Amino acid sequence: MKEKRIYLTGFMTSGKSTIGPILANVLGLEFFDLDKVIESEEKQTIVEIFEKKGEEYFRKIEFGILKNLSERSSVVISLGGGTLTSQENFNLLKSTGKIIYLKVSPSNLYKRLKNKIDRPLFRDLVLEEKNEEDFLERIKELLENRRSYYEKADFTIDTDLQPLGRTVDKIAKRISVLINEKD
C-alpha cells in the first residue's frame, strides 16, 4: 500500500484530535485535523460557521476540504464527529483509505462534553446547565443516528478503559497488518 491514508472517526471528544498526531508520528505520516483545516480556511470557528451559515453550508465546505486532503498520500486525518454521516464523504473515505472508529461509551462522552461550549450540538445544554440525563439522552440519540456509519469503519478501537499509548499502539499494529496485506 504505497499511499497510506488513515481516517479517524468517532463521536466528538472520542480522542481523534489527540490520538491523530501521535499516531501520525508513530507511523511517520503527516497529520491533519479536518475541523482545524476548515476553521483555518474559513477564518471562523466551527461554532461560528454553524451559527452564521448553517450545517448545510458547513457540510459543503467539509466535503471540498476532505476531497483535497484525500488526494494527499501518507496522512492521518482526524474527521469531525459527523463527517461520516454524509454518503458522499463516506464513499470518498472508503475508496481512498482506511477508516478507524474510536468508540467511547455515552457516560465517558458525557464526562468529556459536560463543560464544553465549543461543540455546536451540545452548546445549548452546557449554557443552560442541563443535567446529566439530558446530556445522555442527546448523546445516545446522536450515537444511534451515527451508529450505522461508524460500524462501516475498517475497524473499531474501544478507547474507554485504555491509556492513550495503548490505543495508539493497537491502531498502529492493525494498520501495519492492513498495509502488509495490501503489499
C-alpha atoms as a PDB file:
ATOM      1  CA  MET A   1       0.000   0.000   0.000  1.00  0.00           C
ATOM      2  CA  LYS A   2       2.098   2.901  -1.282  1.00  0.00           C
ATOM      3  CA  GLU A   3      -0.423   5.587  -0.446  1.00  0.00           C
ATOM      4  CA  LYS A   4      -1.394   5.490   3.200  1.00  0.00           C
ATOM      5  CA  ARG A   5      -4.492   7.377   4.259  1.00  0.00           C
ATOM      6  CA  ILE A   6      -5.842   6.744   7.713  1.00  0.00           C
ATOM      7  CA  TYR A   7      -9.107   8.404   8.723  1.00  0.00           C
ATOM      8  CA  LEU A   8     -10.041   8.587  12.399  1.00  0.00           C
ATOM      9  CA  THR A   9     -13.754   8.798  13.066  1.00  0.00           C
ATOM     10  CA  GLY A  10     -15.893   8.752  16.169  1.00  0.00           C
ATOM     11  CA  PHE A  11     -18.150  10.894  18.270  1.00  0.00           C
ATOM     12  CA  MET A  12     -16.965  14.340  19.345  1.00  0.00           C
ATOM     13  CA  THR A  13     -14.411  14.076  22.176  1.00  0.00           C
ATOM     14  CA  SER A  14     -13.624  10.435  21.279  1.00  0.00           C
ATOM     15  CA  GLY A  15      -9.925  11.319  21.023  1.00  0.00           C
ATOM     16  CA  LYS A  16      -9.472  11.780  17.264  1.00  0.00           C
ATOM     17  CA  SER A  17      -7.578  15.078  17.573  1.00  0.00           C
ATOM     18  CA  THR A  18      -5.453  13.773  20.440  1.00  0.00           C
ATOM     19  CA  ILE A  19      -4.660  10.334  19.018  1.00  0.00           C
ATOM     20  CA  GLY A  20      -4.249  11.550  15.418  1.00  0.00           C
ATOM     21  CA  PRO A  21      -0.963  13.459  15.706  1.00  0.00           C
ATOM     22  CA  ILE A  22       0.585  10.800  17.956  1.00  0.00           C
ATOM     23  CA  LEU A  23      -0.430   8.021  15.550  1.00  0.00           C
ATOM     24  CA  ALA A  24       0.872  10.020  12.587  1.00  0.00           C
ATOM     25  CA  ASN A  25       4.195  10.476  14.373  1.00  0.00           C
ATOM     26  CA  VAL A  26       4.454   6.762  15.223  1.00  0.00           C
ATOM     27  CA  LEU A  27       3.687   5.790  11.609  1.00  0.00           C
ATOM     28  CA  GLY A  28       5.838   8.527  10.058  1.00  0.00           C
ATOM     29  CA  LEU A  29       2.847  10.176   8.374  1.00  0.00           C
ATOM     30  CA  GLU A  30       1.578  13.751   8.109  1.00  0.00           C
ATOM     31  CA  PHE A  31      -1.379  14.747  10.320  1.00  0.00           C
ATOM     32  CA  PHE A  32      -4.435  16.884   9.560  1.00  0.00           C
ATOM     33  CA  ASP A  33      -7.379  17.714  11.799  1.00  0.00           C
ATOM     34  CA  LEU A  34     -10.275  18.283   9.393  1.00  0.00           C
ATOM     35  CA  ASP A  35     -12.102  20.717  11.698  1.00  0.00           C
ATOM     36  CA  LYS A  36      -8.925  22.776  12.223  1.00  0.00           C
ATOM     37  CA  VAL A  37      -8.292  22.923   8.465  1.00  0.00           C
ATOM     38  CA  ILE A  38     -11.900  24.075   7.923  1.00  0.00           C
ATOM     39  CA  GLU A  39     -11.518  26.760  10.611  1.00  0.00           C
ATOM     40  CA  SER A  40      -8.276  27.947   9.038  1.00  0.00           C
ATOM     41  CA  GLU A  41      -9.756  28.093   5.527  1.00  0.00           C
ATOM     42  CA  GLU A  42     -12.988  29.776   6.663  1.00  0.00           C
ATOM     43  CA  LYS A  43     -11.289  32.011   9.256  1.00  0.00           C
ATOM     44  CA  GLN A  44     -14.103  31.132  11.680  1.00  0.00           C
ATOM     45  CA  THR A  45     -14.659  28.509  14.347  1.00  0.00           C
ATOM     46  CA  ILE A  46     -16.918  25.542  13.637  1.00  0.00           C
ATOM     47  CA  VAL A  47     -19.465  27.029  16.078  1.00  0.00           C
ATOM     48  CA  GLU A  48     -19.454  30.336  14.150  1.00  0.00           C
ATOM     49  CA  ILE A  49     -19.863  28.574  10.806  1.00  0.00           C
ATOM     50  CA  PHE A  50     -22.841  26.590  12.137  1.00  0.00           C
ATOM     51  CA  GLU A  51     -24.404  29.711  13.700  1.00  0.00           C
ATOM     52  CA  LYS A  52     -23.847  32.104  10.779  1.00  0.00           C
ATOM     53  CA  LYS A  53     -24.118  29.872   7.723  1.00  0.00           C
ATOM     54  CA  GLY A  54     -25.775  26.658   8.903  1.00  0.00           C
ATOM     55  CA  GLU A  55     -24.953  22.976   8.794  1.00  0.00           C
ATOM     56  CA  GLU A  56     -25.656  22.577   5.061  1.00  0.00           C
ATOM     57  CA  TYR A  57     -23.002  25.193   4.220  1.00  0.00           C
ATOM     58  CA  PHE A  58     -20.599  23.578   6.681  1.00  0.00           C
ATOM     59  CA  ARG A  59     -21.065  20.125   5.105  1.00  0.00           C
ATOM     60  CA  LYS A  60     -20.330  21.515   1.606  1.00  0.00           C
ATOM     61  CA  ILE A  61     -17.108  23.126   2.812  1.00  0.00           C
ATOM     62  CA  GLU A  62     -16.223  19.974   4.736  1.00  0.00           C
ATOM     63  CA  PHE A  63     -16.553  17.797   1.610  1.00  0.00           C
ATOM     64  CA  GLY A  64     -14.396  20.120  -0.509  1.00  0.00           C
ATOM     65  CA  ILE A  65     -11.593  20.218   2.042  1.00  0.00           C
ATOM     66  CA  LEU A  66     -11.881  16.486   2.689  1.00  0.00           C
ATOM     67  CA  LYS A  67     -11.581  15.817  -1.052  1.00  0.00           C
ATOM     68  CA  ASN A  68      -8.383  17.904  -1.202  1.00  0.00           C
ATOM     69  CA  LEU A  69      -6.892  16.171   1.844  1.00  0.00           C
ATOM     70  CA  SER A  70      -7.799  12.724   0.493  1.00  0.00           C
ATOM     71  CA  GLU A  71      -5.619  13.390  -2.544  1.00  0.00           C
ATOM     72  CA  ARG A  72      -2.525  13.536  -0.334  1.00  0.00           C
ATOM     73  CA  SER A  73      -0.651  10.362   0.484  1.00  0.00           C
ATOM     74  CA  SER A  74       0.864   9.236   3.773  1.00  0.00           C
ATOM     75  CA  VAL A  75      -1.587  11.045   6.049  1.00  0.00           C
ATOM     76  CA  VAL A  76      -3.629  10.571   9.175  1.00  0.00           C
ATOM     77  CA  ILE A  77      -6.774  12.703   9.117  1.00  0.00           C
ATOM     78  CA  SER A  78      -8.998  13.249  12.151  1.00  0.00           C
ATOM     79  CA  LEU A  79     -12.556  13.717  10.960  1.00  0.00           C
ATOM     80  CA  GLY A  80     -15.341  15.720  12.543  1.00  0.00           C
ATOM     81  CA  GLY A  81     -17.869  13.718  14.573  1.00  0.00           C
ATOM     82  CA  GLY A  82     -20.498  13.922  11.825  1.00  0.00           C
ATOM     83  CA  THR A  83     -18.262  13.732   8.747  1.00  0.00           C
ATOM     84  CA  LEU A  84     -19.033  10.073   8.132  1.00  0.00           C
ATOM     85  CA  THR A  85     -22.811  10.619   8.081  1.00  0.00           C
ATOM     86  CA  SER A  86     -22.663  12.026   4.547  1.00  0.00           C
ATOM     87  CA  GLN A  87     -22.792   9.210   1.978  1.00  0.00           C
ATOM     88  CA  GLU A  88     -20.613  11.313  -0.334  1.00  0.00           C
ATOM     89  CA  ASN A  89     -17.971  11.699   2.386  1.00  0.00           C
ATOM     90  CA  PHE A  90     -18.196   8.025   3.319  1.00  0.00           C
ATOM     91  CA  ASN A  91     -17.704   6.873  -0.288  1.00  0.00           C
ATOM     92  CA  LEU A  92     -14.693   9.167  -0.666  1.00  0.00           C
ATOM     93  CA  LEU A  93     -13.098   7.937   2.567  1.00  0.00           C
ATOM     94  CA  LYS A  94     -13.754   4.254   1.912  1.00  0.00           C
ATOM     95  CA  SER A  95     -12.290   4.455  -1.588  1.00  0.00           C
ATOM     96  CA  THR A  96      -9.137   6.352  -0.585  1.00  0.00           C
ATOM     97  CA  GLY A  97      -8.035   4.935   2.771  1.00  0.00           C
ATOM     98  CA  LYS A  98      -8.772   3.052   5.964  1.00  0.00           C
ATOM     99  CA  ILE A  99     -11.383   4.273   8.445  1.00  0.00           C
ATOM    100  CA  ILE A 100     -10.826   3.679  12.153  1.00  0.00           C
ATOM    101  CA  TYR A 101     -13.705   4.187  14.584  1.00  0.00           C
ATOM    102  CA  LEU A 102     -12.720   5.362  18.065  1.00  0.00           C
ATOM    103  CA  LYS A 103     -15.586   4.118  20.218  1.00  0.00           C
ATOM    104  CA  VAL A 104     -16.457   5.692  23.571  1.00  0.00           C
ATOM    105  CA  SER A 105     -19.343   4.950  25.947  1.00  0.00           C
ATOM    106  CA  PRO A 106     -22.088   7.558  26.466  1.00  0.00           C
ATOM    107  CA  SER A 107     -21.083   8.001  30.128  1.00  0.00           C
ATOM    108  CA  ASN A 108     -17.480   8.849  29.202  1.00  0.00           C
ATOM    109  CA  LEU A 109     -18.676  11.129  26.413  1.00  0.00           C
ATOM    110  CA  TYR A 110     -20.813  12.975  28.961  1.00  0.00           C
ATOM    111  CA  LYS A 111     -17.800  13.490  31.242  1.00  0.00           C
ATOM    112  CA  ARG A 112     -15.849  14.960  28.310  1.00  0.00           C
ATOM    113  CA  LEU A 113     -18.689  17.131  26.948  1.00  0.00           C
ATOM    114  CA  LYS A 114     -20.436  18.474  30.056  1.00  0.00           C
ATOM    115  CA  ASN A 115     -18.429  21.727  30.175  1.00  0.00           C
ATOM    116  CA  LYS A 116     -17.548  22.292  26.516  1.00  0.00           C
ATOM    117  CA  ILE A 117     -19.180  25.233  24.760  1.00  0.00           C
ATOM    118  CA  ASP A 118     -17.234  24.735  21.503  1.00  0.00           C
ATOM    119  CA  ARG A 119     -19.466  21.853  20.357  1.00  0.00           C
ATOM    120  CA  PRO A 120     -22.442  23.175  18.357  1.00  0.00           C
ATOM    121  CA  LEU A 121     -24.665  20.174  19.104  1.00  0.00           C
ATOM    122  CA  PHE A 122     -24.156  20.462  22.876  1.00  0.00           C
ATOM    123  CA  ARG A 123     -23.566  24.169  23.384  1.00  0.00           C
ATOM    124  CA  ASP A 124     -27.166  24.843  24.440  1.00  0.00           C
ATOM    125  CA  LEU A 125     -27.098  22.063  27.055  1.00  0.00           C
ATOM    126  CA  VAL A 126     -23.908  23.458  28.586  1.00  0.00           C
ATOM    127  CA  LEU A 127     -25.108  27.071  28.567  1.00  0.00           C
ATOM    128  CA  GLU A 128     -28.480  26.104  30.060  1.00  0.00           C
ATOM    129  CA  GLU A 129     -26.688  23.973  32.669  1.00  0.00           C
ATOM    130  CA  LYS A 130     -28.754  20.903  31.819  1.00  0.00           C
ATOM    131  CA  ASN A 131     -28.418  17.764  33.899  1.00  0.00           C
ATOM    132  CA  GLU A 132     -26.603  14.531  33.075  1.00  0.00           C
ATOM    133  CA  GLU A 133     -29.818  12.829  31.968  1.00  0.00           C
ATOM    134  CA  ASP A 134     -30.467  15.467  29.272  1.00  0.00           C
ATOM    135  CA  PHE A 135     -26.886  15.175  28.014  1.00  0.00           C
ATOM    136  CA  LEU A 136     -27.000  11.380  27.935  1.00  0.00           C
ATOM    137  CA  GLU A 137     -30.296  11.451  26.065  1.00  0.00           C
ATOM    138  CA  ARG A 138     -28.812  13.652  23.326  1.00  0.00           C
ATOM    139  CA  ILE A 139     -25.565  11.655  23.224  1.00  0.00           C
ATOM    140  CA  LYS A 140     -27.445   8.358  22.870  1.00  0.00           C
ATOM    141  CA  GLU A 141     -29.738   9.803  20.204  1.00  0.00           C
ATOM    142  CA  LEU A 142     -26.805  11.091  18.135  1.00  0.00           C
ATOM    143  CA  LEU A 143     -24.821   7.879  18.635  1.00  0.00           C
ATOM    144  CA  GLU A 144     -27.807   5.842  17.465  1.00  0.00           C
ATOM    145  CA  ASN A 145     -28.190   8.055  14.378  1.00  0.00           C
ATOM    146  CA  ARG A 146     -24.497   7.652  13.546  1.00  0.00           C
ATOM    147  CA  ARG A 147     -24.010   4.032  14.632  1.00  0.00           C
ATOM    148  CA  SER A 148     -24.593   2.504  11.193  1.00  0.00           C
ATOM    149  CA  TYR A 149     -21.953   4.845   9.711  1.00  0.00           C
ATOM    150  CA  TYR A 150     -19.407   4.259  12.444  1.00  0.00           C
ATOM    151  CA  GLU A 151     -19.889   0.486  12.167  1.00  0.00           C
ATOM    152  CA  LYS A 152     -18.826   0.593   8.489  1.00  0.00           C
ATOM    153  CA  ALA A 153     -15.301   1.563   9.546  1.00  0.00           C
ATOM    154  CA  ASP A 154     -12.494  -0.825   8.657  1.00  0.00           C
ATOM    155  CA  PHE A 155     -12.042  -1.480  12.352  1.00  0.00           C
ATOM    156  CA  THR A 156     -13.128  -0.231  15.762  1.00  0.00           C
ATOM    157  CA  ILE A 157     -10.976   0.588  18.764  1.00  0.00           C
ATOM    158  CA  ASP A 158     -12.722   0.930  22.134  1.00  0.00           C
ATOM    159  CA  THR A 159     -10.966   3.826  23.864  1.00  0.00           C
ATOM    160  CA  ASP A 160     -12.927   3.794  27.136  1.00  0.00           C
ATOM    161  CA  LEU A 161     -10.656   2.000  29.538  1.00  0.00           C
ATOM    162  CA  GLN A 162      -7.318   2.249  27.770  1.00  0.00           C
ATOM    163  CA  PRO A 163      -4.420   4.606  28.262  1.00  0.00           C
ATOM    164  CA  LEU A 164      -3.645   6.788  25.241  1.00  0.00           C
ATOM    165  CA  GLY A 165      -0.387   4.980  24.447  1.00  0.00           C
ATOM    166  CA  ARG A 166      -2.063   1.565  24.361  1.00  0.00           C
ATOM    167  CA  THR A 167      -4.775   2.888  21.996  1.00  0.00           C
ATOM    168  CA  VAL A 168      -2.150   4.282  19.625  1.00  0.00           C
ATOM    169  CA  ASP A 169      -0.175   1.007  19.774  1.00  0.00           C
ATOM    170  CA  LYS A 170      -3.284  -1.035  18.937  1.00  0.00           C
ATOM    171  CA  ILE A 171      -4.136   1.171  15.967  1.00  0.00           C
ATOM    172  CA  ALA A 172      -0.546   1.156  14.684  1.00  0.00           C
ATOM    173  CA  LYS A 173      -0.432  -2.663  14.840  1.00  0.00           C
ATOM    174  CA  ARG A 174      -3.766  -3.001  12.999  1.00  0.00           C
ATOM    175  CA  ILE A 175      -2.623  -0.517  10.340  1.00  0.00           C
ATOM    176  CA  SER A 176       0.651  -2.365   9.799  1.00  0.00           C
ATOM    177  CA  VAL A 177      -1.289  -5.631   9.324  1.00  0.00           C
ATOM    178  CA  LEU A 178      -3.570  -3.924   6.777  1.00  0.00           C
ATOM    179  CA  ILE A 179      -0.600  -2.409   4.953  1.00  0.00           C
ATOM    180  CA  ASN A 180       1.219  -5.750   4.789  1.00  0.00           C
ATOM    181  CA  GLU A 181      -1.919  -7.470   3.459  1.00  0.00           C
ATOM    182  CA  LYS A 182      -2.059  -4.964   0.582  1.00  0.00           C
ATOM    183  CA  ASP A 183       1.634  -5.193  -0.423  1.00  0.00           C
END
